[in-house]
Amino acid sequence: MDVIGNDLTIFGCLDPTIFVSGPVDGIAPALDRLITPRVRDAHFVLVPAADGIQVGLDRFMAVKQWMEINGR
């Protein structure tokens, strides 16, 4: 039984082993696993944070590109 419903706002972040130190081309598949069809149908906020760690702009751009293709 689904007790949460489809109006849940999700605050999350990407696995740092993927977002910070993994290959950039691993970000889209990680987002595919994280943002399931149920989450895509709900209201959510994705927070790809670096929290003081130096992260290349290309990683944030990979998230942006994924959202442009798969977001609502």
C-alpha atoms as a PDB file:
ATOM      1  CA  MET A   1       0.000   0.000   0.000  1.00  0.00           C
ATOM      2  CA  ASP A   2       1.323   3.415  -0.914  1.00  0.00           C
ATOM      3  CA  VAL A   3       1.060   5.537   2.227  1.00  0.00           C
ATOM      4  CA  ILE A   4       3.159   8.451   0.993  1.00  0.00           C
ATOM      5  CA  GLY A   5       1.209   9.465  -2.088  1.00  0.00           C
ATOM      6  CA  ASN A   6       2.414  11.294  -5.188  1.00  0.00           C
ATOM      7  CA  ASP A   7       2.772  14.771  -3.677  1.00  0.00           C
ATOM      8  CA  LEU A   8       5.919  14.092  -1.671  1.00  0.00           C
ATOM      9  CA  THR A   9       8.772  16.529  -2.136  1.00  0.00           C
ATOM     10  CA  ILE A  10      12.090  14.718  -2.171  1.00  0.00           C
ATOM     11  CA  PHE A  11      15.301  16.438  -1.189  1.00  0.00           C
ATOM     12  CA  GLY A  12      18.226  14.307  -2.180  1.00  0.00           C
ATOM     13  CA  CYS A  13      21.687  14.320  -3.555  1.00  0.00           C
ATOM     14  CA  LEU A  14      23.751  12.188  -5.844  1.00  0.00           C
ATOM     15  CA  ASP A  15      26.096   9.517  -4.586  1.00  0.00           C
ATOM     16  CA  PRO A  16      29.422  11.347  -4.183  1.00  0.00           C
ATOM     17  CA  THR A  17      31.345   8.354  -5.520  1.00  0.00           C
ATOM     18  CA  ILE A  18      29.522   8.970  -8.786  1.00  0.00           C
ATOM     19  CA  PHE A  19      28.939  12.728  -8.805  1.00  0.00           C
ATOM     20  CA  VAL A  20      32.310  13.825  -7.427  1.00  0.00           C
ATOM     21  CA  SER A  21      34.824  11.121  -8.272  1.00  0.00           C
ATOM     22  CA  GLY A  22      33.234   8.791 -10.815  1.00  0.00           C
ATOM     23  CA  PRO A  23      33.263   9.213 -14.577  1.00  0.00           C
ATOM     24  CA  VAL A  24      31.010  11.999 -15.844  1.00  0.00           C
ATOM     25  CA  ASP A  25      29.214   9.546 -18.133  1.00  0.00           C
ATOM     26  CA  GLY A  26      28.145   7.632 -15.007  1.00  0.00           C
ATOM     27  CA  ILE A  27      25.978  10.513 -13.808  1.00  0.00           C
ATOM     28  CA  ALA A  28      23.058   9.968 -16.214  1.00  0.00           C
ATOM     29  CA  PRO A  29      22.692   6.247 -15.373  1.00  0.00           C
ATOM     30  CA  ALA A  30      22.841   7.141 -11.666  1.00  0.00           C
ATOM     31  CA  LEU A  31      20.034   9.643 -12.178  1.00  0.00           C
ATOM     32  CA  ASP A  32      18.040   7.005 -14.077  1.00  0.00           C
ATOM     33  CA  ARG A  33      18.266   4.773 -10.997  1.00  0.00           C
ATOM     34  CA  LEU A  34      17.570   7.553  -8.492  1.00  0.00           C
ATOM     35  CA  ILE A  35      14.723   9.339 -10.272  1.00  0.00           C
ATOM     36  CA  THR A  36      12.289   6.493 -10.847  1.00  0.00           C
ATOM     37  CA  PRO A  37       9.041   6.906 -12.826  1.00  0.00           C
ATOM     38  CA  ARG A  38       7.140   7.295  -9.533  1.00  0.00           C
ATOM     39  CA  VAL A  39       9.457  10.123  -8.451  1.00  0.00           C
ATOM     40  CA  ARG A  40       9.189  11.760 -11.884  1.00  0.00           C
ATOM     41  CA  ASP A  41       5.414  11.891 -11.417  1.00  0.00           C
ATOM     42  CA  ALA A  42       5.763  13.514  -7.987  1.00  0.00           C
ATOM     43  CA  HIS A  43       6.992  16.940  -6.978  1.00  0.00           C
ATOM     44  CA  PHE A  44      10.683  16.708  -6.185  1.00  0.00           C
ATOM     45  CA  VAL A  45      13.807  18.751  -5.733  1.00  0.00           C
ATOM     46  CA  LEU A  46      17.162  17.316  -6.748  1.00  0.00           C
ATOM     47  CA  VAL A  47      20.172  18.764  -4.958  1.00  0.00           C
ATOM     48  CA  PRO A  48      23.481  17.889  -6.653  1.00  0.00           C
ATOM     49  CA  ALA A  49      25.623  19.439  -3.929  1.00  0.00           C
ATOM     50  CA  ALA A  50      29.395  19.587  -3.675  1.00  0.00           C
ATOM     51  CA  ASP A  51      29.578  21.028  -0.123  1.00  0.00           C
ATOM     52  CA  GLY A  52      33.026  22.579  -0.313  1.00  0.00           C
ATOM     53  CA  ILE A  53      34.530  19.896  -2.520  1.00  0.00           C
ATOM     54  CA  GLN A  54      35.892  21.105  -5.833  1.00  0.00           C
ATOM     55  CA  VAL A  55      33.626  19.676  -8.527  1.00  0.00           C
ATOM     56  CA  GLY A  56      33.944  20.416 -12.218  1.00  0.00           C
ATOM     57  CA  LEU A  57      31.199  22.330 -13.984  1.00  0.00           C
ATOM     58  CA  ASP A  58      30.914  19.430 -16.440  1.00  0.00           C
ATOM     59  CA  ARG A  59      29.310  17.333 -13.683  1.00  0.00           C
ATOM     60  CA  PHE A  60      26.617  19.910 -13.001  1.00  0.00           C
ATOM     61  CA  MET A  61      26.093  20.249 -16.752  1.00  0.00           C
ATOM     62  CA  ALA A  62      25.579  16.470 -16.986  1.00  0.00           C
ATOM     63  CA  VAL A  63      22.768  16.795 -14.422  1.00  0.00           C
ATOM     64  CA  LYS A  64      21.313  19.758 -16.325  1.00  0.00           C
ATOM     65  CA  GLN A  65      21.372  17.801 -19.577  1.00  0.00           C
ATOM     66  CA  TRP A  66      19.679  14.804 -17.949  1.00  0.00           C
ATOM     67  CA  MET A  67      16.965  17.052 -16.468  1.00  0.00           C
ATOM     68  CA  GLU A  68      16.347  18.744 -19.838  1.00  0.00           C
ATOM     69  CA  ILE A  69      15.733  15.340 -21.406  1.00  0.00           C
ATOM     70  CA  ASN A  70      13.951  13.577 -18.536  1.00  0.00           C
ATOM     71  CA  GLY A  71      12.440  16.330 -16.379  1.00  0.00           C
ATOM     72  CA  ARG A  72       8.935  17.647 -16.574  1.00  0.00           C
END
